[in-house]
PDB file of N, CA and C in Angstrom:
ATOM      1  N   MET A   1     -14.208  11.959 -24.252  1.00  0.00           N
ATOM      2  CA  MET A   1     -13.795  10.936 -25.139  1.00  0.00           C
ATOM      3  C   MET A   1     -12.503  10.921 -25.398  1.00  0.00           C
ATOM      4  N   LEU A   2     -12.100  11.702 -25.479  1.00  0.00           N
ATOM      5  CA  LEU A   2     -10.227  11.677 -25.968  1.00  0.00           C
ATOM      6  C   LEU A   2      -9.408  11.091 -24.839  1.00  0.00           C
ATOM      7  N   PHE A   3      -9.859  11.202 -23.587  1.00  0.00           N
ATOM      8  CA  PHE A   3      -9.383  10.271 -22.357  1.00  0.00           C
ATOM      9  C   PHE A   3      -9.585   9.013 -22.550  1.00  0.00           C
ATOM     10  N   LEU A   4     -10.878   8.668 -22.745  1.00  0.00           N
ATOM     11  CA  LEU A   4     -11.422   7.284 -22.771  1.00  0.00           C
ATOM     12  C   LEU A   4     -10.588   6.426 -24.438  1.00  0.00           C
ATOM     13  N   GLN A   5     -10.532   7.349 -25.138  1.00  0.00           N
ATOM     14  CA  GLN A   5      -9.891   6.771 -26.468  1.00  0.00           C
ATOM     15  C   GLN A   5      -8.352   6.524 -26.048  1.00  0.00           C
ATOM     16  N   GLN A   6      -7.331   7.539 -25.414  1.00  0.00           N
ATOM     17  CA  GLN A   6      -6.120   7.314 -24.820  1.00  0.00           C
ATOM     18  C   GLN A   6      -6.151   6.101 -24.039  1.00  0.00           C
ATOM     19  N   ALA A   7      -7.061   5.962 -23.174  1.00  0.00           N
ATOM     20  CA  ALA A   7      -7.103   4.670 -22.064  1.00  0.00           C
ATOM     21  C   ALA A   7      -6.963   3.588 -22.877  1.00  0.00           C
ATOM     22  N   ARG A   8      -8.400   3.162 -23.939  1.00  0.00           N
ATOM     23  CA  ARG A   8      -8.162   2.076 -24.660  1.00  0.00           C
ATOM     24  C   ARG A   8      -6.899   1.844 -25.500  1.00  0.00           C
ATOM     25  N   GLU A   9      -6.534   2.896 -26.379  1.00  0.00           N
ATOM     26  CA  GLU A   9      -5.243   2.704 -26.543  1.00  0.00           C
ATOM     27  C   GLU A   9      -4.161   2.252 -26.285  1.00  0.00           C
ATOM     28  N   LEU A  10      -4.062   2.870 -24.786  1.00  0.00           N
ATOM     29  CA  LEU A  10      -2.779   2.108 -24.011  1.00  0.00           C
ATOM     30  C   LEU A  10      -3.361   0.512 -23.680  1.00  0.00           C
ATOM     31  N   LEU A  11      -4.407   0.372 -23.101  1.00  0.00           N
ATOM     32  CA  LEU A  11      -4.612  -0.863 -23.163  1.00  0.00           C
ATOM     33  C   LEU A  11      -4.264  -1.876 -24.235  1.00  0.00           C
ATOM     34  N   HIS A  12      -4.681  -1.373 -25.162  1.00  0.00           N
ATOM     35  CA  HIS A  12      -4.620  -2.432 -26.638  1.00  0.00           C
ATOM     36  C   HIS A  12      -3.547  -2.615 -26.610  1.00  0.00           C
ATOM     37  N   GLN A  13      -2.039  -1.633 -26.603  1.00  0.00           N
ATOM     38  CA  GLN A  13      -1.221  -1.420 -27.014  1.00  0.00           C
ATOM     39  C   GLN A  13      -0.327  -2.720 -25.983  1.00  0.00           C
ATOM     40  N   SER A  14      -0.594  -2.620 -24.962  1.00  0.00           N
ATOM     41  CA  SER A  14      -0.372  -3.859 -23.662  1.00  0.00           C
ATOM     42  C   SER A  14      -0.744  -5.163 -23.731  1.00  0.00           C
ATOM     43  N   GLY A  15      -1.602  -5.281 -24.856  1.00  0.00           N
ATOM     44  CA  GLY A  15      -2.022  -6.394 -24.849  1.00  0.00           C
ATOM     45  C   GLY A  15      -3.652  -6.448 -24.067  1.00  0.00           C
ATOM     46  N   PHE A  16      -4.217  -5.962 -23.858  1.00  0.00           N
ATOM     47  CA  PHE A  16      -5.350  -5.902 -23.003  1.00  0.00           C
ATOM     48  C   PHE A  16      -6.731  -5.454 -24.160  1.00  0.00           C
ATOM     49  N   GLU A  17      -7.932  -5.823 -23.574  1.00  0.00           N
ATOM     50  CA  GLU A  17      -9.080  -5.814 -24.014  1.00  0.00           C
ATOM     51  C   GLU A  17     -10.116  -5.000 -22.913  1.00  0.00           C
ATOM     52  N   ILE A  18     -10.864  -4.156 -23.367  1.00  0.00           N
ATOM     53  CA  ILE A  18     -12.124  -3.978 -22.486  1.00  0.00           C
ATOM     54  C   ILE A  18     -13.213  -5.075 -22.426  1.00  0.00           C
ATOM     55  N   VAL A  19     -13.506  -5.710 -21.121  1.00  0.00           N
ATOM     56  CA  VAL A  19     -14.731  -6.590 -21.235  1.00  0.00           C
ATOM     57  C   VAL A  19     -15.982  -6.119 -21.060  1.00  0.00           C
ATOM     58  N   HIS A  20     -16.077  -5.185 -19.901  1.00  0.00           N
ATOM     59  CA  HIS A  20     -17.164  -4.310 -18.960  1.00  0.00           C
ATOM     60  C   HIS A  20     -16.879  -3.269 -18.612  1.00  0.00           C
ATOM     61  N   LEU A  21     -18.089  -2.653 -18.560  1.00  0.00           N
ATOM     62  CA  LEU A  21     -17.399  -1.073 -17.815  1.00  0.00           C
ATOM     63  C   LEU A  21     -18.607  -0.719 -17.077  1.00  0.00           C
ATOM     64  N   ASP A  22     -18.539  -0.473 -15.714  1.00  0.00           N
ATOM     65  CA  ASP A  22     -19.420  -0.066 -14.706  1.00  0.00           C
ATOM     66  C   ASP A  22     -19.427   1.246 -14.390  1.00  0.00           C
ATOM     67  N   ILE A  23     -20.314   2.118 -14.867  1.00  0.00           N
ATOM     68  CA  ILE A  23     -20.056   3.519 -14.367  1.00  0.00           C
ATOM     69  C   ILE A  23     -21.441   3.750 -13.414  1.00  0.00           C
ATOM     70  N   VAL A  24     -20.861   4.868 -12.409  1.00  0.00           N
ATOM     71  CA  VAL A  24     -22.047   5.675 -11.425  1.00  0.00           C
ATOM     72  C   VAL A  24     -21.835   6.811 -11.799  1.00  0.00           C
ATOM     73  N   ILE A  25     -22.820   7.758 -12.082  1.00  0.00           N
ATOM     74  CA  ILE A  25     -22.659   8.989 -12.196  1.00  0.00           C
ATOM     75  C   ILE A  25     -23.628   9.557 -11.236  1.00  0.00           C
ATOM     76  N   VAL A  26     -22.722  10.377 -10.237  1.00  0.00           N
ATOM     77  CA  VAL A  26     -23.424  11.146  -9.092  1.00  0.00           C
ATOM     78  C   VAL A  26     -23.756  12.584  -9.602  1.00  0.00           C
ATOM     79  N   ILE A  27     -24.806  12.829  -9.370  1.00  0.00           N
ATOM     80  CA  ILE A  27     -25.485  14.304 -10.173  1.00  0.00           C
ATOM     81  C   ILE A  27     -26.823  14.509  -9.631  1.00  0.00           C
ATOM     82  N   GLU A  28     -27.069  15.821  -9.388  1.00  0.00           N
ATOM     83  CA  GLU A  28     -28.586  15.961  -8.998  1.00  0.00           C
ATOM     84  C   GLU A  28     -29.252  16.691 -10.045  1.00  0.00           C
ATOM     85  N   GLN A  29     -28.707  17.202 -11.127  1.00  0.00           N
ATOM     86  CA  GLN A  29     -29.620  17.530 -12.200  1.00  0.00           C
ATOM     87  C   GLN A  29     -28.289  17.643 -13.267  1.00  0.00           C
ATOM     88  N   PRO A  30     -28.888  17.340 -14.591  1.00  0.00           N
ATOM     89  CA  PRO A  30     -30.048  16.741 -15.250  1.00  0.00           C
ATOM     90  C   PRO A  30     -30.728  15.515 -14.412  1.00  0.00           C
ATOM     91  N   LYS A  31     -31.467  14.923 -14.607  1.00  0.00           N
ATOM     92  CA  LYS A  31     -31.646  13.557 -14.633  1.00  0.00           C
ATOM     93  C   LYS A  31     -31.055  12.742 -15.734  1.00  0.00           C
ATOM     94  N   ILE A  32     -30.191  11.505 -15.609  1.00  0.00           N
ATOM     95  CA  ILE A  32     -29.557  10.825 -16.519  1.00  0.00           C
ATOM     96  C   ILE A  32     -30.520   9.956 -17.488  1.00  0.00           C
ATOM     97  N   LEU A  33     -31.407   9.430 -17.010  1.00  0.00           N
ATOM     98  CA  LEU A  33     -32.527   8.457 -17.391  1.00  0.00           C
ATOM     99  C   LEU A  33     -32.698   8.726 -18.941  1.00  0.00           C
ATOM    100  N   PRO A  34     -33.212   9.847 -19.338  1.00  0.00           N
ATOM    101  CA  PRO A  34     -33.564  10.140 -20.583  1.00  0.00           C
ATOM    102  C   PRO A  34     -32.744  10.087 -21.504  1.00  0.00           C
ATOM    103  N   TYR A  35     -31.277  10.390 -20.943  1.00  0.00           N
ATOM    104  CA  TYR A  35     -30.013  10.335 -21.768  1.00  0.00           C
ATOM    105  C   TYR A  35     -29.269   8.864 -21.434  1.00  0.00           C
ATOM    106  N   ARG A  36     -29.653   8.234 -20.694  1.00  0.00           N
ATOM    107  CA  ARG A  36     -28.604   7.041 -20.527  1.00  0.00           C
ATOM    108  C   ARG A  36     -28.235   6.164 -21.767  1.00  0.00           C
ATOM    109  N   SER A  37     -29.080   6.009 -22.876  1.00  0.00           N
ATOM    110  CA  SER A  37     -28.584   5.132 -23.678  1.00  0.00           C
ATOM    111  C   SER A  37     -27.713   6.200 -24.699  1.00  0.00           C
ATOM    112  N   LYS A  38     -27.746   7.057 -24.687  1.00  0.00           N
ATOM    113  CA  LYS A  38     -26.726   8.092 -25.754  1.00  0.00           C
ATOM    114  C   LYS A  38     -25.651   7.907 -25.082  1.00  0.00           C
ATOM    115  N   ILE A  39     -25.536   8.182 -24.016  1.00  0.00           N
ATOM    116  CA  ILE A  39     -24.338   8.253 -23.031  1.00  0.00           C
ATOM    117  C   ILE A  39     -23.481   6.751 -23.282  1.00  0.00           C
ATOM    118  N   ARG A  40     -24.515   5.885 -22.886  1.00  0.00           N
ATOM    119  CA  ARG A  40     -23.603   4.521 -22.955  1.00  0.00           C
ATOM    120  C   ARG A  40     -23.083   4.112 -24.677  1.00  0.00           C
ATOM    121  N   GLU A  41     -23.903   4.836 -25.584  1.00  0.00           N
ATOM    122  CA  GLU A  41     -23.216   4.368 -26.942  1.00  0.00           C
ATOM    123  C   GLU A  41     -22.411   5.325 -27.266  1.00  0.00           C
ATOM    124  N   SER A  42     -22.314   6.315 -26.902  1.00  0.00           N
ATOM    125  CA  SER A  42     -20.897   7.427 -26.986  1.00  0.00           C
ATOM    126  C   SER A  42     -20.033   6.857 -26.384  1.00  0.00           C
ATOM    127  N   ILE A  43     -19.982   6.285 -25.053  1.00  0.00           N
ATOM    128  CA  ILE A  43     -18.929   5.751 -24.396  1.00  0.00           C
ATOM    129  C   ILE A  43     -18.444   4.403 -25.034  1.00  0.00           C
ATOM    130  N   ALA A  44     -19.388   3.591 -25.452  1.00  0.00           N
ATOM    131  CA  ALA A  44     -19.054   2.432 -25.973  1.00  0.00           C
ATOM    132  C   ALA A  44     -18.327   2.457 -27.360  1.00  0.00           C
ATOM    133  N   GLY A  45     -18.811   3.793 -28.045  1.00  0.00           N
ATOM    134  CA  GLY A  45     -18.049   4.356 -29.442  1.00  0.00           C
ATOM    135  C   GLY A  45     -16.873   4.501 -28.967  1.00  0.00           C
ATOM    136  N   ALA A  46     -16.377   5.300 -28.034  1.00  0.00           N
ATOM    137  CA  ALA A  46     -15.090   5.965 -27.975  1.00  0.00           C
ATOM    138  C   ALA A  46     -14.181   4.623 -27.375  1.00  0.00           C
ATOM    139  N   LEU A  47     -14.792   3.791 -26.957  1.00  0.00           N
ATOM    140  CA  LEU A  47     -13.825   2.763 -26.373  1.00  0.00           C
ATOM    141  C   LEU A  47     -13.795   1.366 -27.073  1.00  0.00           C
ATOM    142  N   ASP A  48     -14.425   1.493 -28.487  1.00  0.00           N
ATOM    143  CA  ASP A  48     -14.684   0.436 -29.548  1.00  0.00           C
ATOM    144  C   ASP A  48     -15.103  -1.007 -28.935  1.00  0.00           C
ATOM    145  N   ILE A  49     -16.566  -0.825 -27.805  1.00  0.00           N
ATOM    146  CA  ILE A  49     -16.993  -1.963 -27.333  1.00  0.00           C
ATOM    147  C   ILE A  49     -18.355  -1.915 -27.614  1.00  0.00           C
ATOM    148  N   ASP A  50     -18.925  -3.010 -27.292  1.00  0.00           N
ATOM    149  CA  ASP A  50     -20.528  -3.276 -27.356  1.00  0.00           C
ATOM    150  C   ASP A  50     -21.133  -2.534 -26.415  1.00  0.00           C
ATOM    151  N   PRO A  51     -22.075  -1.709 -26.615  1.00  0.00           N
ATOM    152  CA  PRO A  51     -23.081  -0.709 -25.935  1.00  0.00           C
ATOM    153  C   PRO A  51     -23.325  -1.517 -24.397  1.00  0.00           C
ATOM    154  N   LYS A  52     -23.984  -2.977 -24.968  1.00  0.00           N
ATOM    155  CA  LYS A  52     -24.176  -3.647 -23.747  1.00  0.00           C
ATOM    156  C   LYS A  52     -23.417  -4.143 -22.813  1.00  0.00           C
ATOM    157  N   ALA A  53     -22.228  -3.997 -23.171  1.00  0.00           N
ATOM    158  CA  ALA A  53     -20.802  -4.199 -22.489  1.00  0.00           C
ATOM    159  C   ALA A  53     -20.627  -2.837 -21.340  1.00  0.00           C
ATOM    160  N   VAL A  54     -21.473  -1.701 -21.649  1.00  0.00           N
ATOM    161  CA  VAL A  54     -21.467  -0.625 -20.663  1.00  0.00           C
ATOM    162  C   VAL A  54     -22.874  -0.402 -19.831  1.00  0.00           C
ATOM    163  N   SER A  55     -22.387  -0.632 -18.461  1.00  0.00           N
ATOM    164  CA  SER A  55     -23.160  -0.441 -17.405  1.00  0.00           C
ATOM    165  C   SER A  55     -23.241   0.735 -16.818  1.00  0.00           C
ATOM    166  N   LEU A  56     -24.403   1.879 -17.092  1.00  0.00           N
ATOM    167  CA  LEU A  56     -24.514   2.837 -16.582  1.00  0.00           C
ATOM    168  C   LEU A  56     -25.584   3.097 -15.569  1.00  0.00           C
ATOM    169  N   LYS A  57     -24.769   3.848 -14.202  1.00  0.00           N
ATOM    170  CA  LYS A  57     -26.122   4.003 -13.123  1.00  0.00           C
ATOM    171  C   LYS A  57     -26.248   5.474 -12.702  1.00  0.00           C
ATOM    172  N   ALA A  58     -27.003   6.290 -12.268  1.00  0.00           N
ATOM    173  CA  ALA A  58     -26.966   7.597 -11.881  1.00  0.00           C
ATOM    174  C   ALA A  58     -27.637   7.527 -10.118  1.00  0.00           C
ATOM    175  N   LYS A  59     -27.111   8.391  -9.448  1.00  0.00           N
ATOM    176  CA  LYS A  59     -27.509   8.601  -8.265  1.00  0.00           C
ATOM    177  C   LYS A  59     -27.333   9.963  -7.754  1.00  0.00           C
ATOM    178  N   THR A  60     -28.147  10.382  -6.595  1.00  0.00           N
ATOM    179  CA  THR A  60     -27.947  11.807  -6.026  1.00  0.00           C
ATOM    180  C   THR A  60     -27.401  11.755  -4.887  1.00  0.00           C
ATOM    181  N   ALA A  61     -26.737  13.129  -4.330  1.00  0.00           N
ATOM    182  CA  ALA A  61     -26.006  13.185  -3.350  1.00  0.00           C
ATOM    183  C   ALA A  61     -27.086  13.567  -1.919  1.00  0.00           C
ATOM    184  N   GLU A  62     -28.435  13.385  -2.738  1.00  0.00           N
ATOM    185  CA  GLU A  62     -29.219  13.630  -1.539  1.00  0.00           C
ATOM    186  C   GLU A  62     -29.344  15.321  -0.407  1.00  0.00           C
ATOM    187  N   GLY A  63     -28.640  16.195  -1.763  1.00  0.00           N
ATOM    188  CA  GLY A  63     -28.968  17.266  -1.367  1.00  0.00           C
ATOM    189  C   GLY A  63     -27.613  17.872  -0.316  1.00  0.00           C
ATOM    190  N   ILE A  64     -26.839  16.549  -0.437  1.00  0.00           N
ATOM    191  CA  ILE A  64     -25.396  17.014   0.600  1.00  0.00           C
ATOM    192  C   ILE A  64     -24.295  17.392  -0.214  1.00  0.00           C
ATOM    193  N   GLY A  65     -23.362  18.734  -0.039  1.00  0.00           N
ATOM    194  CA  GLY A  65     -22.100  18.868   0.010  1.00  0.00           C
ATOM    195  C   GLY A  65     -22.393  19.720  -1.571  1.00  0.00           C
ATOM    196  N   PRO A  66     -21.710  19.908  -2.261  1.00  0.00           N
ATOM    197  CA  PRO A  66     -21.437  20.540  -3.474  1.00  0.00           C
ATOM    198  C   PRO A  66     -22.289  19.630  -4.634  1.00  0.00           C
ATOM    199  N   ILE A  67     -22.072  18.411  -4.551  1.00  0.00           N
ATOM    200  CA  ILE A  67     -22.973  17.901  -5.680  1.00  0.00           C
ATOM    201  C   ILE A  67     -24.478  17.708  -5.362  1.00  0.00           C
ATOM    202  N   GLY A  68     -24.873  17.862  -4.425  1.00  0.00           N
ATOM    203  CA  GLY A  68     -26.004  17.979  -3.605  1.00  0.00           C
ATOM    204  C   GLY A  68     -26.910  19.553  -3.773  1.00  0.00           C
ATOM    205  N   ALA A  69     -25.983  20.337  -3.758  1.00  0.00           N
ATOM    206  CA  ALA A  69     -26.317  21.648  -4.277  1.00  0.00           C
ATOM    207  C   ALA A  69     -26.189  22.065  -5.785  1.00  0.00           C
ATOM    208  N   GLY A  70     -26.006  21.005  -6.647  1.00  0.00           N
ATOM    209  CA  GLY A  70     -26.105  21.456  -8.026  1.00  0.00           C
ATOM    210  C   GLY A  70     -24.870  21.960  -8.143  1.00  0.00           C
ATOM    211  N   GLN A  71     -23.587  22.312  -7.686  1.00  0.00           N
ATOM    212  CA  GLN A  71     -22.485  22.700  -8.050  1.00  0.00           C
ATOM    213  C   GLN A  71     -21.354  21.990  -8.855  1.00  0.00           C
ATOM    214  N   ALA A  72     -21.424  20.549  -8.722  1.00  0.00           N
ATOM    215  CA  ALA A  72     -20.581  19.532  -9.244  1.00  0.00           C
ATOM    216  C   ALA A  72     -21.234  18.046  -9.215  1.00  0.00           C
ATOM    217  N   ALA A  73     -20.631  17.495  -9.970  1.00  0.00           N
ATOM    218  CA  ALA A  73     -20.890  16.153 -10.346  1.00  0.00           C
ATOM    219  C   ALA A  73     -20.016  15.380 -10.339  1.00  0.00           C
ATOM    220  N   GLU A  74     -19.936  13.737  -9.941  1.00  0.00           N
ATOM    221  CA  GLU A  74     -18.636  12.914 -10.071  1.00  0.00           C
ATOM    222  C   GLU A  74     -19.302  11.546 -10.922  1.00  0.00           C
ATOM    223  N   ALA A  75     -18.348  11.090 -11.155  1.00  0.00           N
ATOM    224  CA  ALA A  75     -18.392   9.727 -11.811  1.00  0.00           C
ATOM    225  C   ALA A  75     -17.143   8.541 -11.250  1.00  0.00           C
ATOM    226  N   HIS A  76     -17.809   7.608 -11.118  1.00  0.00           N
ATOM    227  CA  HIS A  76     -16.853   6.256 -10.694  1.00  0.00           C
ATOM    228  C   HIS A  76     -17.025   5.624 -11.698  1.00  0.00           C
ATOM    229  N   ALA A  77     -15.710   4.762 -12.086  1.00  0.00           N
ATOM    230  CA  ALA A  77     -15.899   3.774 -13.052  1.00  0.00           C
ATOM    231  C   ALA A  77     -15.067   2.553 -13.218  1.00  0.00           C
ATOM    232  N   ILE A  78     -15.593   1.102 -13.526  1.00  0.00           N
ATOM    233  CA  ILE A  78     -14.505   0.090 -13.100  1.00  0.00           C
ATOM    234  C   ILE A  78     -14.567  -0.656 -14.023  1.00  0.00           C
ATOM    235  N   ALA A  79     -13.416  -1.219 -14.499  1.00  0.00           N
ATOM    236  CA  ALA A  79     -13.533  -1.574 -15.943  1.00  0.00           C
ATOM    237  C   ALA A  79     -12.933  -2.876 -15.960  1.00  0.00           C
ATOM    238  N   THR A  80     -13.185  -4.193 -16.374  1.00  0.00           N
ATOM    239  CA  THR A  80     -12.882  -5.418 -16.163  1.00  0.00           C
ATOM    240  C   THR A  80     -12.512  -5.583 -17.859  1.00  0.00           C
ATOM    241  N   VAL A  81     -10.888  -5.776 -17.648  1.00  0.00           N
ATOM    242  CA  VAL A  81     -10.232  -6.203 -18.761  1.00  0.00           C
ATOM    243  C   VAL A  81      -9.722  -7.365 -18.827  1.00  0.00           C
ATOM    244  N   ARG A  82      -9.094  -7.807 -20.057  1.00  0.00           N
ATOM    245  CA  ARG A  82      -8.851  -9.502 -20.156  1.00  0.00           C
ATOM    246  C   ARG A  82      -7.684  -9.320 -21.203  1.00  0.00           C
ATOM    247  N   LYS A  83      -6.662 -10.441 -21.026  1.00  0.00           N
ATOM    248  CA  LYS A  83      -5.732 -10.412 -21.985  1.00  0.00           C
ATOM    249  C   LYS A  83      -6.464 -10.748 -23.359  1.00  0.00           C
ATOM    250  N   ALA A  84      -5.879  -9.573 -24.397  1.00  0.00           N
ATOM    251  CA  ALA A  84      -6.493  -9.868 -25.780  1.00  0.00           C
ATOM    252  C   ALA A  84      -5.654 -11.175 -26.378  1.00  0.00           C
TER     253      ALA A  84
END
């Protein structure tokens, strides 16, 4: 959350704001669905944006590699920003 807050601050200092955030979490366990809304709300809170502007999806690695073996997880995020 500290990283997200710092990124938001740097954007604001540069005159930009986050419009939308699209996140994909790649993880075998735990399943994300039961925690999805809480994760979205936490991320939105750290970025000071509406939770509806945070899209969160999860997928598995189909048992392949360290992620598939449950030893790791990864996340990909794309932010749409605009001049404030």
